[in-house]
Amino acid sequence: MVALEARDPDGAAALCATDVTIRLPGGDNELEGRDAARKLIRMAPAFRRLIREEVVEGSTVILKGLTRAPGLFTNFTTWTFETDGERITHLTFQWRPGN
């Protein structure tokens, strides 16, 4: 999340396994590999986040909160990071409109 907010594509990719999969909200859109992580960071609008809940279940971290892109949107967001203990192997996120 820090790399995302800093708009640091290489920093985000370094946290991911080489074969990471990223499932985008709203359909069957799935990105694969570290280049996908870089692409996600590059295409994401500048935003602010407020994490309201963090759940750790083994090697999975679930963050729930509010994502706000000033002037664009506000969403209730759930981010689910699955890891191999060191790197992110699978990322999904879901949005619900907040405004």
C-alpha atoms as a PDB file:
ATOM      1  CA  MET A   1       0.000   0.000   0.000  1.00  0.00           C
ATOM      2  CA  VAL A   2       2.910   2.340   0.698  1.00  0.00           C
ATOM      3  CA  ALA A   3       4.343   1.680  -2.775  1.00  0.00           C
ATOM      4  CA  LEU A   4       0.908   2.290  -4.289  1.00  0.00           C
ATOM      5  CA  GLU A   5       0.472   5.618  -2.520  1.00  0.00           C
ATOM      6  CA  ALA A   6       4.034   6.651  -3.404  1.00  0.00           C
ATOM      7  CA  ARG A   7       3.341   5.666  -7.026  1.00  0.00           C
ATOM      8  CA  ASP A   8       6.449   3.475  -6.952  1.00  0.00           C
ATOM      9  CA  PRO A   9       5.956   0.715  -9.558  1.00  0.00           C
ATOM     10  CA  ASP A  10       9.365  -0.882  -8.998  1.00  0.00           C
ATOM     11  CA  GLY A  11       8.874  -0.878  -5.223  1.00  0.00           C
ATOM     12  CA  ALA A  12       5.509  -2.599  -5.595  1.00  0.00           C
ATOM     13  CA  ALA A  13       6.901  -5.162  -8.037  1.00  0.00           C
ATOM     14  CA  ALA A  14       9.746  -5.998  -5.644  1.00  0.00           C
ATOM     15  CA  LEU A  15       7.171  -7.090  -3.056  1.00  0.00           C
ATOM     16  CA  CYS A  16       5.549  -9.522  -5.486  1.00  0.00           C
ATOM     17  CA  ALA A  17       6.396 -13.059  -6.535  1.00  0.00           C
ATOM     18  CA  THR A  18       7.507 -13.325 -10.158  1.00  0.00           C
ATOM     19  CA  ASP A  19       4.223 -15.081 -11.020  1.00  0.00           C
ATOM     20  CA  VAL A  20       1.907 -12.836  -8.965  1.00  0.00           C
ATOM     21  CA  THR A  21      -1.703 -12.625 -10.146  1.00  0.00           C
ATOM     22  CA  ILE A  22      -3.795  -9.499  -9.645  1.00  0.00           C
ATOM     23  CA  ARG A  23      -7.555  -9.704 -10.087  1.00  0.00           C
ATOM     24  CA  LEU A  24      -9.150  -6.373 -10.898  1.00  0.00           C
ATOM     25  CA  PRO A  25     -12.659  -5.540  -9.700  1.00  0.00           C
ATOM     26  CA  GLY A  26     -15.638  -5.695 -11.989  1.00  0.00           C
ATOM     27  CA  GLY A  27     -15.098  -8.738 -14.109  1.00  0.00           C
ATOM     28  CA  ASP A  28     -12.670 -11.318 -15.309  1.00  0.00           C
ATOM     29  CA  ASN A  29      -9.775  -8.899 -15.623  1.00  0.00           C
ATOM     30  CA  GLU A  30      -6.606 -10.478 -14.310  1.00  0.00           C
ATOM     31  CA  LEU A  31      -3.032  -9.271 -14.566  1.00  0.00           C
ATOM     32  CA  GLU A  32      -0.038 -11.580 -14.138  1.00  0.00           C
ATOM     33  CA  GLY A  33       3.604 -11.078 -13.202  1.00  0.00           C
ATOM     34  CA  ARG A  34       5.683  -8.284 -11.743  1.00  0.00           C
ATOM     35  CA  ASP A  35       5.101  -6.173 -14.847  1.00  0.00           C
ATOM     36  CA  ALA A  36       1.396  -6.377 -13.984  1.00  0.00           C
ATOM     37  CA  ALA A  37       2.122  -4.912 -10.549  1.00  0.00           C
ATOM     38  CA  ARG A  38       4.027  -2.081 -12.199  1.00  0.00           C
ATOM     39  CA  LYS A  39       1.132  -1.519 -14.627  1.00  0.00           C
ATOM     40  CA  LEU A  40      -1.379  -1.399 -11.764  1.00  0.00           C
ATOM     41  CA  ILE A  41       0.637   1.278  -9.959  1.00  0.00           C
ATOM     42  CA  ARG A  42       1.041   3.337 -13.135  1.00  0.00           C
ATOM     43  CA  MET A  43      -2.681   3.259 -13.989  1.00  0.00           C
ATOM     44  CA  ALA A  44      -3.992   3.905 -10.460  1.00  0.00           C
ATOM     45  CA  PRO A  45      -5.131   7.470  -9.788  1.00  0.00           C
ATOM     46  CA  ALA A  46      -3.569   9.382  -6.915  1.00  0.00           C
ATOM     47  CA  PHE A  47      -5.615   8.581  -3.830  1.00  0.00           C
ATOM     48  CA  ARG A  48      -5.818   8.597  -0.077  1.00  0.00           C
ATOM     49  CA  ARG A  49      -6.694   5.559   1.967  1.00  0.00           C
ATOM     50  CA  LEU A  50      -8.018   5.009   5.432  1.00  0.00           C
ATOM     51  CA  ILE A  51      -7.670   1.447   6.666  1.00  0.00           C
ATOM     52  CA  ARG A  52     -10.405   0.681   9.158  1.00  0.00           C
ATOM     53  CA  GLU A  53      -9.786  -3.018   9.626  1.00  0.00           C
ATOM     54  CA  GLU A  54      -6.813  -5.335   9.155  1.00  0.00           C
ATOM     55  CA  VAL A  55      -7.154  -9.107   9.426  1.00  0.00           C
ATOM     56  CA  VAL A  56      -4.242 -11.540   9.216  1.00  0.00           C
ATOM     57  CA  GLU A  57      -5.163 -15.154   8.517  1.00  0.00           C
ATOM     58  CA  GLY A  58      -1.961 -17.179   8.197  1.00  0.00           C
ATOM     59  CA  SER A  59      -0.205 -15.838   5.103  1.00  0.00           C
ATOM     60  CA  THR A  60      -3.209 -13.777   3.957  1.00  0.00           C
ATOM     61  CA  VAL A  61      -3.759 -10.132   4.885  1.00  0.00           C
ATOM     62  CA  ILE A  62      -7.151  -8.480   4.377  1.00  0.00           C
ATOM     63  CA  LEU A  63      -7.412  -4.702   4.557  1.00  0.00           C
ATOM     64  CA  LYS A  64     -10.787  -2.980   4.637  1.00  0.00           C
ATOM     65  CA  GLY A  65     -11.221   0.733   4.437  1.00  0.00           C
ATOM     66  CA  LEU A  66     -11.965   3.779   2.413  1.00  0.00           C
ATOM     67  CA  THR A  67     -10.191   4.709  -0.823  1.00  0.00           C
ATOM     68  CA  ARG A  68     -10.638   8.287  -1.984  1.00  0.00           C
ATOM     69  CA  ALA A  69      -9.370   9.812  -5.215  1.00  0.00           C
ATOM     70  CA  PRO A  70     -10.085  13.520  -4.703  1.00  0.00           C
ATOM     71  CA  GLY A  71     -12.400  14.830  -7.377  1.00  0.00           C
ATOM     72  CA  LEU A  72     -12.987  11.344  -8.820  1.00  0.00           C
ATOM     73  CA  PHE A  73     -14.476   8.806  -6.421  1.00  0.00           C
ATOM     74  CA  THR A  74     -14.791   7.443  -2.919  1.00  0.00           C
ATOM     75  CA  ASN A  75     -15.030   3.683  -2.429  1.00  0.00           C
ATOM     76  CA  PHE A  76     -15.218   1.216   0.396  1.00  0.00           C
ATOM     77  CA  THR A  77     -12.378  -1.111  -0.562  1.00  0.00           C
ATOM     78  CA  THR A  78     -11.350  -4.598   0.490  1.00  0.00           C
ATOM     79  CA  TRP A  79      -7.798  -5.597  -0.450  1.00  0.00           C
ATOM     80  CA  THR A  80      -6.780  -9.243  -0.037  1.00  0.00           C
ATOM     81  CA  PHE A  81      -3.067 -10.030  -0.218  1.00  0.00           C
ATOM     82  CA  GLU A  82      -2.083 -13.698  -0.345  1.00  0.00           C
ATOM     83  CA  THR A  83       1.596 -14.385   0.209  1.00  0.00           C
ATOM     84  CA  ASP A  84       4.082 -17.221   0.249  1.00  0.00           C
ATOM     85  CA  GLY A  85       5.414 -15.821   3.518  1.00  0.00           C
ATOM     86  CA  GLU A  86       7.770 -13.396   1.769  1.00  0.00           C
ATOM     87  CA  ARG A  87       6.182 -12.126  -1.445  1.00  0.00           C
ATOM     88  CA  ILE A  88       2.664 -11.340  -2.626  1.00  0.00           C
ATOM     89  CA  THR A  89       1.422 -14.209  -4.796  1.00  0.00           C
ATOM     90  CA  HIS A  90      -2.176 -13.114  -5.368  1.00  0.00           C
ATOM     91  CA  LEU A  91      -3.952  -9.795  -4.936  1.00  0.00           C
ATOM     92  CA  THR A  92      -7.642  -9.068  -5.244  1.00  0.00           C
ATOM     93  CA  PHE A  93      -9.576  -5.969  -4.407  1.00  0.00           C
ATOM     94  CA  GLN A  94     -13.231  -5.109  -4.386  1.00  0.00           C
ATOM     95  CA  TRP A  95     -14.933  -1.733  -4.448  1.00  0.00           C
ATOM     96  CA  ARG A  96     -18.296  -0.551  -3.234  1.00  0.00           C
ATOM     97  CA  PRO A  97     -19.270   3.030  -4.050  1.00  0.00           C
ATOM     98  CA  GLY A  98     -18.994   5.330  -1.069  1.00  0.00           C
ATOM     99  CA  ASN A  99     -20.625   8.400  -2.601  1.00  0.00           C
END
